[in-house]
Amino acid sequence: MFKFNELKQVHLEITNNCQASCPMCNRNISGGLDNPLIKIQNWTLSEFKLIMTPEVLKQIDGYYFCSNFGDPMMNSDLIEMCDWSNTTAPNVHITIHTNGGARTPKWWATLAQALPHEHKVVFALDGLADTHSLYRVDVDFNKVIENATAFIQAGGRAEWVFIKFKHNEHQVIEAQDMSVKLGFKSFVLKNSSRFILEPKVKVVNRQDVLTHYIEPATETPLKFIDKKVIQAYKEIVSNSKINCKVQRDKEVYIDAYKNLYPCCWIASVPYTYIDEDAALEVRTEMLRQHYKLMASLGDTNTLNRSICEIINSKEYQSAWSDYWTTDKLITCARTCGVNMDFAQPKDQIVNEN
């Protein structure tokens, strides 16, 4: 694994709180019920300064706020974090991923002023006013557009990311045109990789009543994880060649509990809620592998040890050869394995202005 003096990016989850109830997000169960495995945590400004020290900021090219389970805008110290970082290291670029439904236009305009010149806010807008909330449950499309407009008009650089589903695929061109008119710098298409067992996901409300289903786009590059894939997972993992993304990109992930992981995918394993009997064996094995890995890495809490100390430790440096060869992780094969059954979709940038 790379050393601290090679580190280029840091991926931060400064909160695991979110106002949305997206049905395929692990912080919810089908969009209606809270995941009991997740306990809400928020970074403070002082904790951010303790973890993202001037030493770290001097080393990296940039960092991004993008949570496994939360939305960065739910952290009340976000603007202060960006402002302090910009003052301390103005050449470090910042990217923020958000559903855009929280806060006010005035707050968004202030955020634009706190960010460095090299920045980007990625707005998740999956459709238009009549379809957006079918997946982004509890997020109002018009409020997102109002917030994004205020951010852009205050000098912010914004990107529109559109996840294609069956219910919104007919709106791609119209959404792309809208993004150009509003001043978004780019428009990106994605396909969801979260369909498990079958390409149909139920959506329930807070009363656990079924409201509708989410289905993939008509044409998608994904191969869905069905029962046959699950039954053959050992063979698939064994035959996968691990081409680690964060090893290539020289990146680490720090979660809402301030624990450092090599990536967000490994970090999500303990909190992934699965109630499908067919997947329980895989889930159990993923947990066993996860805790074995984390035990081998030593103390990775960034309140106890600096990012530099963790990355350069003997434990962190020596663990990976086995986990990429003889003792491959299911998580690594799923996300970074060179194997079609576990392939992740690539983003398609439709326009850059």
Protein backbone atom coordinates (compact mmCIF):
# COMPACT_ATOMS: atom_id res chain seq x y z
CA MET A 1 0.00 0.00 0.00
CA PHE A 2 1.14 3.57 -0.59
CA LYS A 3 2.80 5.72 2.09
CA PHE A 4 1.57 9.03 3.52
CA ASN A 5 3.91 11.05 1.29
CA GLU A 6 2.04 9.58 -1.71
CA LEU A 7 -1.47 10.38 -0.43
CA LYS A 8 -3.47 12.44 -2.94
CA GLN A 9 -7.10 12.44 -1.78
CA VAL A 10 -9.15 12.02 1.39
CA HIS A 11 -12.81 10.95 1.31
CA LEU A 12 -14.75 12.25 4.32
CA GLU A 13 -18.06 11.29 5.92
CA ILE A 14 -18.56 14.21 8.30
CA THR A 15 -22.07 13.01 9.15
CA ASN A 16 -24.17 9.89 8.65
CA ASN A 17 -27.36 11.90 9.04
CA CYS A 18 -29.65 12.63 6.09
CA GLN A 19 -33.10 14.12 5.58
CA ALA A 20 -33.80 11.86 2.59
CA SER A 21 -35.12 8.29 2.59
CA CYS A 22 -33.78 6.83 -0.65
CA PRO A 23 -35.00 3.22 -0.80
CA MET A 24 -31.69 1.73 -2.01
CA CYS A 25 -29.54 3.51 0.58
CA ASN A 26 -28.38 1.34 3.48
CA ARG A 27 -29.37 3.94 6.05
CA ASN A 28 -32.98 3.01 5.27
CA ILE A 29 -34.90 -0.22 4.85
CA SER A 30 -36.76 0.20 1.56
CA GLY A 31 -36.91 3.95 2.20
CA GLY A 32 -39.35 3.76 5.09
CA LEU A 33 -37.69 2.34 8.18
CA ASP A 34 -34.41 3.38 9.80
CA ASN A 35 -31.46 0.99 9.67
CA PRO A 36 -31.00 -0.08 13.33
CA LEU A 37 -27.25 -0.65 12.76
CA ILE A 38 -26.55 3.07 12.23
CA LYS A 39 -26.17 5.53 15.11
CA ILE A 40 -26.10 9.20 14.09
CA GLN A 41 -22.69 10.85 14.34
CA ASN A 42 -21.50 14.34 13.32
CA TRP A 43 -17.99 15.73 13.14
CA THR A 44 -17.35 19.01 14.93
CA LEU A 45 -15.20 21.78 13.50
CA SER A 46 -12.53 21.07 16.12
CA GLU A 47 -12.46 17.38 15.14
CA PHE A 48 -12.14 18.33 11.48
CA LYS A 49 -9.13 20.52 12.29
CA LEU A 50 -7.58 17.76 14.40
CA ILE A 51 -7.92 15.21 11.57
CA MET A 52 -7.40 17.35 8.46
CA THR A 53 -4.30 19.09 9.82
CA PRO A 54 -2.15 21.56 7.87
CA GLU A 55 0.26 18.63 7.40
CA VAL A 56 -2.47 16.63 5.65
CA LEU A 57 -3.70 19.59 3.60
CA LYS A 58 -0.15 20.32 2.47
CA GLN A 59 0.25 16.71 1.29
CA ILE A 60 -2.97 16.15 -0.67
CA ASP A 61 -4.36 17.54 -3.92
CA GLY A 62 -7.90 17.62 -2.59
CA TYR A 63 -10.62 15.97 -0.55
CA TYR A 64 -14.31 15.36 -0.91
CA PHE A 65 -17.34 15.16 1.34
CA CYS A 66 -19.38 12.15 0.22
CA SER A 67 -21.01 9.92 2.79
CA ASN A 68 -21.92 6.27 2.78
CA PHE A 69 -25.08 7.07 4.70
CA GLY A 70 -25.44 10.82 5.26
CA ASP A 71 -25.54 14.13 3.43
CA PRO A 72 -22.71 16.60 4.20
CA MET A 73 -25.20 19.48 4.30
CA MET A 74 -26.66 18.01 7.49
CA ASN A 75 -23.46 18.90 9.34
CA SER A 76 -23.93 22.39 10.78
CA ASP A 77 -20.16 23.09 10.67
CA LEU A 78 -19.66 22.39 6.96
CA ILE A 79 -19.24 26.02 5.86
CA GLU A 80 -16.78 26.68 8.69
CA MET A 81 -14.81 23.56 7.72
CA CYS A 82 -14.56 24.72 4.11
CA ASP A 83 -13.67 28.26 5.12
CA TRP A 84 -10.90 27.12 7.49
CA SER A 85 -9.52 24.72 4.87
CA ASN A 86 -9.60 27.41 2.18
CA THR A 87 -7.76 29.84 4.46
CA THR A 88 -5.20 27.23 5.50
CA ALA A 89 -4.60 25.64 2.09
CA PRO A 90 -6.32 27.58 -0.74
CA ASN A 91 -4.82 25.34 -3.45
CA VAL A 92 -6.52 22.19 -2.11
CA HIS A 93 -9.66 21.47 -4.11
CA ILE A 94 -12.92 20.49 -2.39
CA THR A 95 -15.79 18.43 -3.81
CA ILE A 96 -19.14 18.00 -2.06
CA HIS A 97 -21.78 15.38 -2.95
CA THR A 98 -25.34 16.15 -1.86
CA ASN A 99 -29.02 15.63 -2.61
CA GLY A 100 -29.31 19.43 -2.36
CA GLY A 101 -32.59 19.44 -0.47
CA ALA A 102 -31.35 20.78 2.86
CA ARG A 103 -30.66 24.36 3.93
CA THR A 104 -31.77 27.68 2.38
CA PRO A 105 -30.70 29.55 -0.76
CA LYS A 106 -28.93 32.12 1.46
CA TRP A 107 -26.94 29.32 3.13
CA TRP A 108 -25.97 27.93 -0.28
CA ALA A 109 -24.78 31.33 -1.47
CA THR A 110 -22.60 31.59 1.66
CA LEU A 111 -21.15 28.13 0.97
CA ALA A 112 -20.10 29.25 -2.50
CA GLN A 113 -18.07 32.08 -0.98
CA ALA A 114 -16.37 29.77 1.56
CA LEU A 115 -15.05 27.31 -1.04
CA PRO A 116 -11.69 27.61 -2.80
CA HIS A 117 -11.45 28.47 -6.49
CA GLU A 118 -11.03 24.78 -7.33
CA HIS A 119 -14.25 23.22 -6.09
CA LYS A 120 -17.35 21.37 -7.21
CA VAL A 121 -20.71 20.55 -5.65
CA VAL A 122 -22.36 17.46 -7.09
CA PHE A 123 -26.16 17.57 -6.94
CA ALA A 124 -28.02 14.24 -7.11
CA LEU A 125 -31.04 15.04 -9.30
CA ASP A 126 -32.63 11.83 -10.55
CA GLY A 127 -35.35 13.11 -12.82
CA LEU A 128 -37.59 16.17 -12.90
CA ALA A 129 -40.33 17.53 -10.65
CA ASP A 130 -42.72 14.63 -11.28
CA THR A 131 -40.23 11.75 -10.95
CA HIS A 132 -37.32 12.92 -8.78
CA SER A 133 -38.83 12.02 -5.40
CA LEU A 134 -39.75 8.49 -6.47
CA TYR A 135 -36.17 7.57 -5.62
CA ARG A 136 -35.02 10.66 -3.68
CA VAL A 137 -37.85 10.18 -1.19
CA ASP A 138 -38.48 13.24 1.03
CA VAL A 139 -36.42 15.52 -1.26
CA ASP A 140 -38.32 18.28 -3.07
CA PHE A 141 -37.08 18.82 -6.64
CA ASN A 142 -38.02 22.49 -6.77
CA LYS A 143 -36.19 23.21 -3.50
CA VAL A 144 -33.05 21.53 -4.86
CA ILE A 145 -33.23 23.66 -8.01
CA GLU A 146 -33.71 26.80 -5.89
CA ASN A 147 -30.68 25.92 -3.73
CA ALA A 148 -28.51 24.98 -6.72
CA THR A 149 -29.44 28.20 -8.51
CA ALA A 150 -28.45 30.31 -5.49
CA PHE A 151 -25.15 28.43 -5.27
CA ILE A 152 -24.37 28.87 -8.97
CA GLN A 153 -25.33 32.55 -9.02
CA ALA A 154 -23.01 33.16 -6.05
CA GLY A 155 -20.10 31.78 -8.07
CA GLY A 156 -20.37 28.08 -7.20
CA ARG A 157 -19.37 25.35 -9.64
CA ALA A 158 -22.06 22.67 -9.80
CA GLU A 159 -22.53 19.28 -11.44
CA TRP A 160 -25.88 17.55 -12.09
CA VAL A 161 -25.75 13.77 -11.58
CA PHE A 162 -28.72 11.81 -12.91
CA ILE A 163 -29.21 8.14 -11.94
CA LYS A 164 -31.23 6.47 -14.67
CA PHE A 165 -34.18 4.30 -13.69
CA LYS A 166 -37.15 3.02 -15.67
CA HIS A 167 -39.34 5.82 -14.26
CA ASN A 168 -37.06 8.71 -15.33
CA GLU A 169 -35.07 7.55 -18.37
CA HIS A 170 -37.41 9.43 -20.73
CA GLN A 171 -36.38 12.73 -19.08
CA VAL A 172 -32.62 12.61 -19.61
CA ILE A 173 -32.50 15.07 -22.53
CA GLU A 174 -34.89 17.52 -20.86
CA ALA A 175 -32.86 17.37 -17.62
CA GLN A 176 -29.63 17.88 -19.56
CA ASP A 177 -31.07 20.96 -21.27
CA MET A 178 -32.21 22.33 -17.91
CA SER A 179 -28.73 21.81 -16.44
CA VAL A 180 -27.20 23.93 -19.20
CA LYS A 181 -29.76 26.73 -18.80
CA LEU A 182 -29.24 26.84 -15.02
CA GLY A 183 -25.45 27.04 -15.34
CA PHE A 184 -24.35 23.59 -14.19
CA LYS A 185 -20.79 22.92 -15.37
CA SER A 186 -21.49 19.29 -16.28
CA PHE A 187 -24.23 16.67 -16.52
CA VAL A 188 -23.42 13.05 -15.61
CA LEU A 189 -25.49 9.91 -16.20
CA LYS A 190 -25.25 6.90 -13.90
CA ASN A 191 -26.79 3.46 -13.58
CA SER A 192 -27.49 2.12 -10.09
CA SER A 193 -25.44 -0.89 -8.97
CA ARG A 194 -27.66 -1.50 -5.93
CA PHE A 195 -30.15 -3.97 -7.37
CA ILE A 196 -29.69 -7.22 -5.41
CA LEU A 197 -31.32 -10.58 -6.23
CA GLU A 198 -33.80 -9.11 -8.68
CA PRO A 199 -34.06 -5.87 -10.69
CA LYS A 200 -37.03 -4.56 -8.71
CA VAL A 201 -36.95 -2.77 -5.36
CA LYS A 202 -39.98 -2.04 -3.22
CA VAL A 203 -40.48 1.37 -1.63
CA VAL A 204 -42.38 1.69 1.64
CA ASN A 205 -43.39 4.70 3.71
CA ARG A 206 -42.84 5.34 7.43
CA GLN A 207 -45.90 3.23 8.19
CA ASP A 208 -44.24 0.33 6.32
CA VAL A 209 -46.88 0.49 3.57
CA LEU A 210 -45.79 -0.29 0.00
CA THR A 211 -46.04 2.80 -2.22
CA HIS A 212 -44.24 1.84 -5.45
CA TYR A 213 -41.32 -0.04 -6.98
CA ILE A 214 -37.98 1.12 -8.37
CA GLU A 215 -36.73 -0.62 -11.52
CA PRO A 216 -33.51 -0.20 -13.53
CA ALA A 217 -33.36 1.66 -16.82
CA THR A 218 -34.44 -0.28 -19.89
CA GLU A 219 -30.89 -0.37 -21.21
CA THR A 220 -28.22 -0.76 -18.55
CA PRO A 221 -24.63 -2.06 -18.64
CA LEU A 222 -25.07 -3.82 -15.30
CA LYS A 223 -25.25 -7.50 -14.58
CA PHE A 224 -27.48 -7.81 -11.55
CA ILE A 225 -26.46 -9.88 -8.54
CA ASP A 226 -28.97 -12.72 -8.71
CA LYS A 227 -29.22 -16.00 -6.79
CA LYS A 228 -26.89 -17.80 -9.20
CA VAL A 229 -24.18 -15.21 -8.62
CA ILE A 230 -24.66 -15.40 -4.84
CA GLN A 231 -24.47 -19.20 -4.87
CA ALA A 232 -21.22 -19.05 -6.88
CA TYR A 233 -19.70 -16.14 -4.95
CA LYS A 234 -16.68 -18.12 -3.68
CA GLU A 235 -15.65 -19.08 -7.19
CA ILE A 236 -16.30 -15.58 -8.53
CA VAL A 237 -14.19 -13.98 -5.80
CA SER A 238 -11.43 -16.55 -6.26
CA ASN A 239 -11.27 -15.85 -10.00
CA SER A 240 -11.35 -12.07 -9.63
CA LYS A 241 -8.21 -10.02 -10.03
CA ILE A 242 -8.26 -7.12 -7.57
CA ASN A 243 -7.41 -3.79 -9.20
CA CYS A 244 -7.76 -1.55 -6.14
CA LYS A 245 -9.13 1.89 -6.98
CA VAL A 246 -7.82 3.65 -3.88
CA GLN A 247 -4.39 2.11 -4.39
CA ARG A 248 -4.33 3.68 -7.86
CA ASP A 249 -5.81 7.00 -6.72
CA LYS A 250 -3.81 7.16 -3.46
CA GLU A 251 -6.90 7.77 -1.34
CA VAL A 252 -8.30 6.95 2.10
CA TYR A 253 -11.78 7.16 3.61
CA ILE A 254 -12.72 8.42 7.09
CA ASP A 255 -16.23 7.64 8.32
CA ALA A 256 -18.62 9.45 10.64
CA TYR A 257 -17.07 7.66 13.64
CA LYS A 258 -13.62 9.08 12.61
CA ASN A 259 -12.28 5.64 11.68
CA LEU A 260 -9.91 5.49 8.70
CA TYR A 261 -10.55 2.82 6.08
CA PRO A 262 -8.92 2.23 2.72
CA CYS A 263 -12.26 2.93 1.01
CA CYS A 264 -15.94 3.67 1.57
CA TRP A 265 -16.98 0.20 0.36
CA ILE A 266 -15.07 -1.61 3.10
CA ALA A 267 -16.30 0.96 5.64
CA SER A 268 -19.96 0.25 4.79
CA VAL A 269 -19.86 -3.49 5.51
CA PRO A 270 -20.76 -3.48 9.26
CA TYR A 271 -23.78 -1.28 8.61
CA THR A 272 -25.24 -3.07 5.59
CA TYR A 273 -28.68 -4.38 6.46
CA ILE A 274 -29.74 -7.53 4.59
CA ASP A 275 -32.94 -9.42 5.29
CA GLU A 276 -32.84 -11.71 2.24
CA ASP A 277 -32.18 -15.33 3.24
CA ALA A 278 -30.33 -16.00 -0.02
CA ALA A 279 -27.72 -13.37 0.81
CA LEU A 280 -27.20 -14.13 4.50
CA GLU A 281 -24.28 -16.49 3.94
CA VAL A 282 -22.47 -13.87 1.89
CA ARG A 283 -23.29 -11.20 4.46
CA THR A 284 -21.91 -13.35 7.28
CA GLU A 285 -18.69 -14.03 5.36
CA MET A 286 -18.28 -10.35 4.48
CA LEU A 287 -18.54 -9.45 8.17
CA ARG A 288 -15.98 -12.12 9.14
CA GLN A 289 -13.58 -10.83 6.51
CA HIS A 290 -14.18 -7.22 7.53
CA TYR A 291 -13.40 -7.69 11.22
CA LYS A 292 -10.35 -9.81 10.41
CA LEU A 293 -9.06 -7.03 8.14
CA MET A 294 -9.67 -4.25 10.65
CA ALA A 295 -7.99 -6.22 13.44
CA SER A 296 -4.93 -6.64 11.23
CA LEU A 297 -4.75 -2.87 10.56
CA GLY A 298 -4.50 -1.89 14.22
CA ASP A 299 -6.00 1.30 15.67
CA THR A 300 -7.39 3.32 12.75
CA ASN A 301 -9.33 5.95 14.72
CA THR A 302 -8.10 9.38 13.61
CA LEU A 303 -8.82 10.93 17.02
CA ASN A 304 -6.22 8.58 18.49
CA ARG A 305 -3.62 8.54 15.71
CA SER A 306 -2.90 10.90 12.83
CA ILE A 307 -3.61 9.97 9.23
CA CYS A 308 0.15 9.82 8.67
CA GLU A 309 0.71 7.46 11.62
CA ILE A 310 -2.07 5.12 10.50
CA ILE A 311 -1.06 4.92 6.84
CA ASN A 312 2.66 4.53 7.57
CA SER A 313 2.15 1.92 10.29
CA LYS A 314 3.61 -1.54 9.73
CA GLU A 315 0.14 -3.06 10.10
CA TYR A 316 -1.47 -0.88 7.41
CA GLN A 317 1.42 -1.34 5.01
CA SER A 318 1.74 -5.10 5.30
CA ALA A 319 -1.87 -6.33 5.27
CA TRP A 320 -2.78 -5.88 1.64
CA SER A 321 -0.80 -8.47 -0.31
CA ASP A 322 -2.86 -11.30 1.22
CA TYR A 323 -6.21 -9.53 0.87
CA TRP A 324 -5.62 -8.95 -2.84
CA THR A 325 -4.30 -12.46 -3.60
CA THR A 326 -4.78 -15.51 -1.36
CA ASP A 327 -7.43 -14.13 1.02
CA LYS A 328 -9.46 -11.89 -1.31
CA LEU A 329 -12.28 -9.86 0.19
CA ILE A 330 -15.77 -10.21 -1.24
CA THR A 331 -16.08 -6.42 -0.97
CA CYS A 332 -12.95 -5.90 -3.07
CA ALA A 333 -14.12 -8.36 -5.72
CA ARG A 334 -17.52 -6.66 -5.81
CA THR A 335 -16.13 -3.17 -6.31
CA CYS A 336 -12.65 -3.53 -7.83
CA GLY A 337 -12.57 -7.08 -9.15
CA VAL A 338 -11.85 -7.58 -12.84
CA ASN A 339 -14.89 -9.81 -13.29
CA MET A 340 -18.07 -9.07 -15.23
CA ASP A 341 -20.43 -10.47 -12.60
CA PHE A 342 -19.21 -7.87 -10.12
CA ALA A 343 -18.59 -4.99 -12.55
CA GLN A 344 -19.35 -1.44 -11.43
CA PRO A 345 -20.85 0.96 -13.99
CA LYS A 346 -18.85 3.91 -15.27
CA ASP A 347 -20.26 7.43 -15.21
CA GLN A 348 -21.18 8.93 -18.55
CA ILE A 349 -20.53 12.66 -18.78
CA VAL A 350 -23.09 14.03 -21.23
CA ASN A 351 -21.98 17.65 -21.29
CA GLU A 352 -19.26 19.87 -19.88
CA ASN A 353 -19.67 23.59 -20.36
